[in-house]
Amino acid sequence: MAVFSVKTEKMSEEEIRENQLLEEDFVWWSDSSPKLVVEENRGKHIAVVNQEAFFGDTYQEAKKKAMAKYPNRPFIVHYVSSRRGKRI
């Protein structure tokens, strides 16, 4: 499920930079996910910040690891399903 946010006021320079950093991480995740979504990571959460992946058994664990290294950076978290999808 995708989550979208809409802001109607003018964005501050800090908000613009934060969105640029998130966009860079989304692009990195898109390019890197085939290498990260592997069998040993099934059932794990992967936090991505500054084009670096942090793994945890829970959302909180992955978030904690990412924030420990990058406390002031926005991050994304992806859950790798423990089940394999059907290939068509």
C-alpha atoms as a PDB file:
ATOM      1  CA  MET A   1       0.000   0.000   0.000  1.00  0.00           C
ATOM      2  CA  ALA A   2       1.330   3.424  -0.916  1.00  0.00           C
ATOM      3  CA  VAL A   3       0.997   6.383   1.392  1.00  0.00           C
ATOM      4  CA  PHE A   4       0.806   9.877  -0.015  1.00  0.00           C
ATOM      5  CA  SER A   5       0.950  13.222   1.719  1.00  0.00           C
ATOM      6  CA  VAL A   6      -0.196  16.518   0.288  1.00  0.00           C
ATOM      7  CA  LYS A   7       0.856  19.845   1.706  1.00  0.00           C
ATOM      8  CA  THR A   8      -0.983  22.953   0.619  1.00  0.00           C
ATOM      9  CA  GLU A   9       1.344  25.604   2.063  1.00  0.00           C
ATOM     10  CA  LYS A  10       4.710  26.611   0.671  1.00  0.00           C
ATOM     11  CA  MET A  11       7.449  24.222   1.775  1.00  0.00           C
ATOM     12  CA  SER A  12      10.409  25.475   3.754  1.00  0.00           C
ATOM     13  CA  GLU A  13      13.945  24.978   2.480  1.00  0.00           C
ATOM     14  CA  GLU A  14      14.413  22.298   5.149  1.00  0.00           C
ATOM     15  CA  GLU A  15      11.284  20.425   3.995  1.00  0.00           C
ATOM     16  CA  ILE A  16      12.392  20.639   0.374  1.00  0.00           C
ATOM     17  CA  ARG A  17      15.822  19.192   1.261  1.00  0.00           C
ATOM     18  CA  GLU A  18      14.225  16.451   3.386  1.00  0.00           C
ATOM     19  CA  ASN A  19      12.016  15.452   0.439  1.00  0.00           C
ATOM     20  CA  GLN A  20      15.036  15.420  -1.884  1.00  0.00           C
ATOM     21  CA  LEU A  21      16.885  13.101   0.521  1.00  0.00           C
ATOM     22  CA  LEU A  22      13.887  10.758   0.699  1.00  0.00           C
ATOM     23  CA  GLU A  23      13.616  10.748  -3.093  1.00  0.00           C
ATOM     24  CA  GLU A  24      17.302   9.801  -3.369  1.00  0.00           C
ATOM     25  CA  ASP A  25      16.732   6.952  -0.902  1.00  0.00           C
ATOM     26  CA  PHE A  26      13.650   5.755  -2.819  1.00  0.00           C
ATOM     27  CA  VAL A  27      15.662   5.644  -6.038  1.00  0.00           C
ATOM     28  CA  TRP A  28      18.490   3.803  -4.271  1.00  0.00           C
ATOM     29  CA  TRP A  29      15.990   1.330  -2.753  1.00  0.00           C
ATOM     30  CA  SER A  30      14.404   0.745  -6.147  1.00  0.00           C
ATOM     31  CA  ASP A  31      17.800  -0.009  -7.704  1.00  0.00           C
ATOM     32  CA  SER A  32      19.132  -2.032  -4.735  1.00  0.00           C
ATOM     33  CA  SER A  33      16.089  -4.008  -3.596  1.00  0.00           C
ATOM     34  CA  PRO A  34      16.814  -7.060  -5.782  1.00  0.00           C
ATOM     35  CA  LYS A  35      20.114  -7.458  -3.910  1.00  0.00           C
ATOM     36  CA  LEU A  36      18.498  -6.875  -0.488  1.00  0.00           C
ATOM     37  CA  VAL A  37      15.283  -8.883  -0.816  1.00  0.00           C
ATOM     38  CA  VAL A  38      16.930 -12.268  -0.507  1.00  0.00           C
ATOM     39  CA  GLU A  39      16.084 -15.422   1.400  1.00  0.00           C
ATOM     40  CA  GLU A  40      18.011 -14.539   4.590  1.00  0.00           C
ATOM     41  CA  ASN A  41      16.140 -11.214   4.836  1.00  0.00           C
ATOM     42  CA  ARG A  42      12.638 -12.716   4.572  1.00  0.00           C
ATOM     43  CA  GLY A  43      10.477 -11.651   7.509  1.00  0.00           C
ATOM     44  CA  LYS A  44      12.736  -8.676   8.266  1.00  0.00           C
ATOM     45  CA  HIS A  45      12.280  -4.935   8.102  1.00  0.00           C
ATOM     46  CA  ILE A  46      14.776  -2.870   6.117  1.00  0.00           C
ATOM     47  CA  ALA A  47      15.218   0.806   6.982  1.00  0.00           C
ATOM     48  CA  VAL A  48      16.855   2.866   4.252  1.00  0.00           C
ATOM     49  CA  VAL A  49      18.560   6.155   4.994  1.00  0.00           C
ATOM     50  CA  ASN A  50      21.392   7.909   3.197  1.00  0.00           C
ATOM     51  CA  GLN A  51      21.415   5.080   0.640  1.00  0.00           C
ATOM     52  CA  GLU A  52      22.277   2.549   3.333  1.00  0.00           C
ATOM     53  CA  ALA A  53      20.204  -0.400   4.588  1.00  0.00           C
ATOM     54  CA  PHE A  54      19.600  -1.300   8.238  1.00  0.00           C
ATOM     55  CA  PHE A  55      17.969  -4.647   9.024  1.00  0.00           C
ATOM     56  CA  GLY A  56      15.785  -5.586  11.974  1.00  0.00           C
ATOM     57  CA  ASP A  57      13.374  -8.294  13.036  1.00  0.00           C
ATOM     58  CA  THR A  58      10.874  -5.514  13.851  1.00  0.00           C
ATOM     59  CA  TYR A  59      10.093  -2.083  12.461  1.00  0.00           C
ATOM     60  CA  GLN A  60      11.350  -0.549  15.706  1.00  0.00           C
ATOM     61  CA  GLU A  61      14.670  -2.407  15.523  1.00  0.00           C
ATOM     62  CA  ALA A  62      15.368  -1.328  11.933  1.00  0.00           C
ATOM     63  CA  LYS A  63      14.312   2.245  12.745  1.00  0.00           C
ATOM     64  CA  LYS A  64      16.516   2.322  15.861  1.00  0.00           C
ATOM     65  CA  LYS A  65      19.570   1.190  13.881  1.00  0.00           C
ATOM     66  CA  ALA A  66      18.976   3.768  11.138  1.00  0.00           C
ATOM     67  CA  MET A  67      18.368   6.603  13.600  1.00  0.00           C
ATOM     68  CA  ALA A  68      21.433   5.684  15.663  1.00  0.00           C
ATOM     69  CA  LYS A  69      23.652   6.450  12.676  1.00  0.00           C
ATOM     70  CA  TYR A  70      21.533   9.182  11.059  1.00  0.00           C
ATOM     71  CA  PRO A  71      19.435  10.788  13.843  1.00  0.00           C
ATOM     72  CA  ASN A  72      18.312  13.804  11.828  1.00  0.00           C
ATOM     73  CA  ARG A  73      17.562  12.161   8.493  1.00  0.00           C
ATOM     74  CA  PRO A  74      14.209  10.983   7.164  1.00  0.00           C
ATOM     75  CA  PHE A  75      14.079   7.277   6.368  1.00  0.00           C
ATOM     76  CA  ILE A  76      11.889   4.664   4.729  1.00  0.00           C
ATOM     77  CA  VAL A  77      11.175   1.153   5.977  1.00  0.00           C
ATOM     78  CA  HIS A  78      10.253  -1.834   3.854  1.00  0.00           C
ATOM     79  CA  TYR A  79       9.037  -5.200   5.138  1.00  0.00           C
ATOM     80  CA  VAL A  80      10.255  -8.283   3.290  1.00  0.00           C
ATOM     81  CA  SER A  81       7.486 -10.847   3.353  1.00  0.00           C
ATOM     82  CA  SER A  82       8.368 -14.220   4.815  1.00  0.00           C
ATOM     83  CA  ARG A  83       6.420 -15.842   1.980  1.00  0.00           C
ATOM     84  CA  ARG A  84       7.544 -16.016  -1.590  1.00  0.00           C
ATOM     85  CA  GLY A  85       5.217 -14.556  -4.178  1.00  0.00           C
ATOM     86  CA  LYS A  86       3.985 -16.595  -7.103  1.00  0.00           C
ATOM     87  CA  ARG A  87       5.899 -16.127 -10.309  1.00  0.00           C
ATOM     88  CA  ILE A  88       3.882 -15.918 -13.484  1.00  0.00           C
END
